Amino acid sequence: MATEKGIVIEIGRGTAWVKTSRTASCEGCAQRKSCHVSADGNEMEVEAINAVGARVDDRVVLHMKSSALLKASFLLYIFPIMVMLAAALLGQHLAPNWDLNPSGLSATAGISAFILAFLFVRKKGNQMAKSQDYRPRIIRVVK
């Protein structure tokens, strides 16, 4: 379970904007595009599901499912590299059958597959961002 502490700065319909410190876990978050980062990059504002009825100026604990973070991290960091390597190896293997330069086909296939994987990650990330499972949730107010 990934948790962060923050302060509620604004209330919306069923949600709250929370100011918190930016951490390494932010990079794997599917909602990272919906956060507003401060000029110095150390603080951020994130929209979270307000499950406990927190009010402005309340100190709260945000929760993000670990499984959601792991899925998002895998999709963002590991998947494109795996696709690129598989395509490069396939290009290396198939090049002699077509009388092509193995290095050239390997590089072309790898780069093309990486670009396609990146486009897939963008599309999938946008789908994940709409799901409640990938949104931070306020789980309690800290006194």
C-alpha atoms as a PDB file:
ATOM      1  CA  MET A   1       0.000   0.000   0.000  1.00  0.00           C
ATOM      2  CA  ALA A   2       1.449   3.339  -1.060  1.00  0.00           C
ATOM      3  CA  THR A   3       0.486   6.214   1.209  1.00  0.00           C
ATOM      4  CA  GLU A   4       1.309   9.905   1.308  1.00  0.00           C
ATOM      5  CA  LYS A   5       0.341  12.673   3.693  1.00  0.00           C
ATOM      6  CA  GLY A   6      -0.945  16.041   2.578  1.00  0.00           C
ATOM      7  CA  ILE A   7      -3.199  18.996   3.268  1.00  0.00           C
ATOM      8  CA  VAL A   8      -6.575  19.525   1.598  1.00  0.00           C
ATOM      9  CA  ILE A   9      -6.599  22.845  -0.239  1.00  0.00           C
ATOM     10  CA  GLU A  10      -9.858  22.611  -2.207  1.00  0.00           C
ATOM     11  CA  ILE A  11     -12.999  20.490  -2.228  1.00  0.00           C
ATOM     12  CA  GLY A  12     -14.842  19.310  -5.340  1.00  0.00           C
ATOM     13  CA  ARG A  13     -17.763  16.961  -6.035  1.00  0.00           C
ATOM     14  CA  GLY A  14     -16.635  13.765  -4.305  1.00  0.00           C
ATOM     15  CA  THR A  15     -13.001  14.770  -4.668  1.00  0.00           C
ATOM     16  CA  ALA A  16     -10.473  16.982  -2.944  1.00  0.00           C
ATOM     17  CA  TRP A  17      -7.303  18.698  -4.115  1.00  0.00           C
ATOM     18  CA  VAL A  18      -4.470  17.777  -1.772  1.00  0.00           C
ATOM     19  CA  LYS A  19      -1.065  19.471  -1.550  1.00  0.00           C
ATOM     20  CA  THR A  20       1.673  16.932  -0.871  1.00  0.00           C
ATOM     21  CA  SER A  21       5.395  16.405  -1.405  1.00  0.00           C
ATOM     22  CA  ARG A  22       6.484  14.958  -4.742  1.00  0.00           C
ATOM     23  CA  THR A  23       8.054  11.492  -4.381  1.00  0.00           C
ATOM     24  CA  ALA A  24       9.551   8.803  -6.615  1.00  0.00           C
ATOM     25  CA  SER A  25       6.248   6.932  -6.647  1.00  0.00           C
ATOM     26  CA  CYS A  26       4.765   9.813  -8.655  1.00  0.00           C
ATOM     27  CA  GLU A  27       6.582   8.666 -11.797  1.00  0.00           C
ATOM     28  CA  GLY A  28       4.656   5.385 -11.961  1.00  0.00           C
ATOM     29  CA  CYS A  29       1.277   6.867 -11.189  1.00  0.00           C
ATOM     30  CA  ALA A  30      -1.366   6.733 -13.869  1.00  0.00           C
ATOM     31  CA  GLN A  31      -2.762  10.040 -12.596  1.00  0.00           C
ATOM     32  CA  ARG A  32       0.519  11.960 -12.802  1.00  0.00           C
ATOM     33  CA  LYS A  33      -0.821  14.125 -15.632  1.00  0.00           C
ATOM     34  CA  SER A  34      -3.682  15.338 -13.436  1.00  0.00           C
ATOM     35  CA  CYS A  35      -1.284  16.636 -10.771  1.00  0.00           C
ATOM     36  CA  HIS A  36      -0.083  20.216 -10.651  1.00  0.00           C
ATOM     37  CA  VAL A  37       3.595  20.451  -9.701  1.00  0.00           C
ATOM     38  CA  SER A  38       4.970  23.602  -8.070  1.00  0.00           C
ATOM     39  CA  ALA A  39       7.660  25.678  -9.760  1.00  0.00           C
ATOM     40  CA  ASP A  40      10.426  24.141  -7.637  1.00  0.00           C
ATOM     41  CA  GLY A  41       9.136  20.612  -8.340  1.00  0.00           C
ATOM     42  CA  ASN A  42       9.054  19.572  -4.672  1.00  0.00           C
ATOM     43  CA  GLU A  43       5.355  20.040  -3.948  1.00  0.00           C
ATOM     44  CA  MET A  44       2.366  18.999  -5.965  1.00  0.00           C
ATOM     45  CA  GLU A  45      -1.386  19.179  -5.920  1.00  0.00           C
ATOM     46  CA  VAL A  46      -3.301  16.014  -6.708  1.00  0.00           C
ATOM     47  CA  GLU A  47      -7.012  15.377  -7.074  1.00  0.00           C
ATOM     48  CA  ALA A  48      -8.034  12.478  -4.847  1.00  0.00           C
ATOM     49  CA  ILE A  49     -11.297  10.698  -4.140  1.00  0.00           C
ATOM     50  CA  ASN A  50     -12.625  12.165  -0.888  1.00  0.00           C
ATOM     51  CA  ALA A  51     -13.953   8.965   0.694  1.00  0.00           C
ATOM     52  CA  VAL A  52     -13.896  10.328   4.263  1.00  0.00           C
ATOM     53  CA  GLY A  53     -15.429  13.772   3.817  1.00  0.00           C
ATOM     54  CA  ALA A  54     -12.240  15.741   4.452  1.00  0.00           C
ATOM     55  CA  ARG A  55     -12.494  19.531   4.516  1.00  0.00           C
ATOM     56  CA  VAL A  56     -10.168  22.354   3.523  1.00  0.00           C
ATOM     57  CA  ASP A  57      -7.026  22.572   5.728  1.00  0.00           C
ATOM     58  CA  ASP A  58      -7.441  18.989   7.024  1.00  0.00           C
ATOM     59  CA  ARG A  59      -4.272  16.910   7.161  1.00  0.00           C
ATOM     60  CA  VAL A  60      -5.038  13.669   5.331  1.00  0.00           C
ATOM     61  CA  VAL A  61      -3.500  10.365   4.322  1.00  0.00           C
ATOM     62  CA  LEU A  62      -3.720   9.457   0.633  1.00  0.00           C
ATOM     63  CA  HIS A  63      -3.703   5.834  -0.444  1.00  0.00           C
ATOM     64  CA  MET A  64      -2.848   4.313  -3.815  1.00  0.00           C
ATOM     65  CA  LYS A  65      -3.100   0.566  -4.348  1.00  0.00           C
ATOM     66  CA  SER A  66       0.329  -1.045  -4.680  1.00  0.00           C
ATOM     67  CA  SER A  67      -0.955  -3.280  -7.462  1.00  0.00           C
ATOM     68  CA  ALA A  68      -1.997  -0.207  -9.436  1.00  0.00           C
ATOM     69  CA  LEU A  69       1.445   1.357  -8.951  1.00  0.00           C
ATOM     70  CA  LEU A  70       3.174  -1.855 -10.029  1.00  0.00           C
ATOM     71  CA  LYS A  71       1.017  -2.205 -13.139  1.00  0.00           C
ATOM     72  CA  ALA A  72       1.582   1.397 -14.109  1.00  0.00           C
ATOM     73  CA  SER A  73       5.341   1.149 -13.477  1.00  0.00           C
ATOM     74  CA  PHE A  74       5.611  -2.032 -15.533  1.00  0.00           C
ATOM     75  CA  LEU A  75       3.633  -0.481 -18.361  1.00  0.00           C
ATOM     76  CA  LEU A  76       5.700   2.696 -18.305  1.00  0.00           C
ATOM     77  CA  TYR A  77       9.231   1.332 -17.847  1.00  0.00           C
ATOM     78  CA  ILE A  78       9.470  -2.400 -18.621  1.00  0.00           C
ATOM     79  CA  PHE A  79       6.930  -3.082 -21.367  1.00  0.00           C
ATOM     80  CA  PRO A  80       8.397  -0.749 -24.048  1.00  0.00           C
ATOM     81  CA  ILE A  81      11.904  -2.130 -23.523  1.00  0.00           C
ATOM     82  CA  MET A  82      10.695  -5.741 -23.708  1.00  0.00           C
ATOM     83  CA  VAL A  83       8.825  -5.004 -26.951  1.00  0.00           C
ATOM     84  CA  MET A  84      11.849  -3.219 -28.426  1.00  0.00           C
ATOM     85  CA  LEU A  85      14.223  -6.077 -27.566  1.00  0.00           C
ATOM     86  CA  ALA A  86      11.846  -8.734 -28.907  1.00  0.00           C
ATOM     87  CA  ALA A  87      11.444  -6.863 -32.198  1.00  0.00           C
ATOM     88  CA  ALA A  88      15.204  -6.298 -32.507  1.00  0.00           C
ATOM     89  CA  LEU A  89      15.899 -10.014 -31.951  1.00  0.00           C
ATOM     90  CA  LEU A  90      13.186 -10.947 -34.436  1.00  0.00           C
ATOM     91  CA  GLY A  91      14.663  -8.552 -37.012  1.00  0.00           C
ATOM     92  CA  GLN A  92      18.123 -10.032 -36.440  1.00  0.00           C
ATOM     93  CA  HIS A  93      16.735 -13.535 -36.933  1.00  0.00           C
ATOM     94  CA  LEU A  94      14.610 -12.795 -40.021  1.00  0.00           C
ATOM     95  CA  ALA A  95      17.057 -10.561 -41.927  1.00  0.00           C
ATOM     96  CA  PRO A  96      19.002 -13.421 -43.604  1.00  0.00           C
ATOM     97  CA  ASN A  97      15.738 -14.881 -44.947  1.00  0.00           C
ATOM     98  CA  TRP A  98      15.091 -11.643 -46.857  1.00  0.00           C
ATOM     99  CA  ASP A  99      18.723 -10.931 -47.807  1.00  0.00           C
ATOM    100  CA  LEU A 100      18.829  -7.818 -45.604  1.00  0.00           C
ATOM    101  CA  ASN A 101      21.485  -6.467 -43.288  1.00  0.00           C
ATOM    102  CA  PRO A 102      20.785  -8.071 -39.867  1.00  0.00           C
ATOM    103  CA  SER A 103      21.960  -4.998 -37.927  1.00  0.00           C
ATOM    104  CA  GLY A 104      19.884  -2.612 -40.008  1.00  0.00           C
ATOM    105  CA  LEU A 105      16.687  -4.664 -39.792  1.00  0.00           C
ATOM    106  CA  SER A 106      17.256  -5.254 -36.103  1.00  0.00           C
ATOM    107  CA  ALA A 107      17.629  -1.523 -35.415  1.00  0.00           C
ATOM    108  CA  THR A 108      14.677  -0.582 -37.609  1.00  0.00           C
ATOM    109  CA  ALA A 109      12.411  -3.215 -36.065  1.00  0.00           C
ATOM    110  CA  GLY A 110      13.487  -2.299 -32.531  1.00  0.00           C
ATOM    111  CA  ILE A 111      12.927   1.429 -32.965  1.00  0.00           C
ATOM    112  CA  SER A 112       9.603   0.903 -34.744  1.00  0.00           C
ATOM    113  CA  ALA A 113       8.386  -1.456 -32.042  1.00  0.00           C
ATOM    114  CA  PHE A 114       9.481   0.970 -29.308  1.00  0.00           C
ATOM    115  CA  ILE A 115       7.457   3.774 -30.924  1.00  0.00           C
ATOM    116  CA  LEU A 116       4.413   1.508 -31.251  1.00  0.00           C
ATOM    117  CA  ALA A 117       4.803   0.386 -27.621  1.00  0.00           C
ATOM    118  CA  PHE A 118       5.005   4.026 -26.526  1.00  0.00           C
ATOM    119  CA  LEU A 119       1.762   4.814 -28.391  1.00  0.00           C
ATOM    120  CA  PHE A 120       0.128   1.787 -26.768  1.00  0.00           C
ATOM    121  CA  VAL A 121       1.315   2.913 -23.319  1.00  0.00           C
ATOM    122  CA  ARG A 122      -0.177   6.372 -23.892  1.00  0.00           C
ATOM    123  CA  LYS A 123      -3.517   4.931 -24.927  1.00  0.00           C
ATOM    124  CA  LYS A 124      -3.574   2.427 -22.070  1.00  0.00           C
ATOM    125  CA  GLY A 125      -2.484   5.111 -19.590  1.00  0.00           C
ATOM    126  CA  ASN A 126      -5.392   7.326 -20.618  1.00  0.00           C
ATOM    127  CA  GLN A 127      -7.773   4.387 -20.105  1.00  0.00           C
ATOM    128  CA  MET A 128      -6.236   3.608 -16.712  1.00  0.00           C
ATOM    129  CA  ALA A 129      -6.564   7.248 -15.635  1.00  0.00           C
ATOM    130  CA  LYS A 130     -10.348   7.013 -15.968  1.00  0.00           C
ATOM    131  CA  SER A 131     -10.549   4.017 -13.625  1.00  0.00           C
ATOM    132  CA  GLN A 132     -11.180   4.543  -9.905  1.00  0.00           C
ATOM    133  CA  ASP A 133      -8.566   1.844  -9.172  1.00  0.00           C
ATOM    134  CA  TYR A 134      -5.769   4.092 -10.419  1.00  0.00           C
ATOM    135  CA  ARG A 135      -6.801   7.254  -8.586  1.00  0.00           C
ATOM    136  CA  PRO A 136      -5.502   8.242  -5.161  1.00  0.00           C
ATOM    137  CA  ARG A 137      -8.043   8.056  -2.350  1.00  0.00           C
ATOM    138  CA  ILE A 138      -8.178   9.900   0.966  1.00  0.00           C
ATOM    139  CA  ILE A 139      -8.404   7.173   3.596  1.00  0.00           C
ATOM    140  CA  ARG A 140      -8.313   9.202   6.816  1.00  0.00           C
ATOM    141  CA  VAL A 141      -8.001  12.611   8.360  1.00  0.00           C
ATOM    142  CA  VAL A 142      -4.969  13.030  10.643  1.00  0.00           C
ATOM    143  CA  LYS A 143      -5.658  14.980  13.850  1.00  0.00           C
END
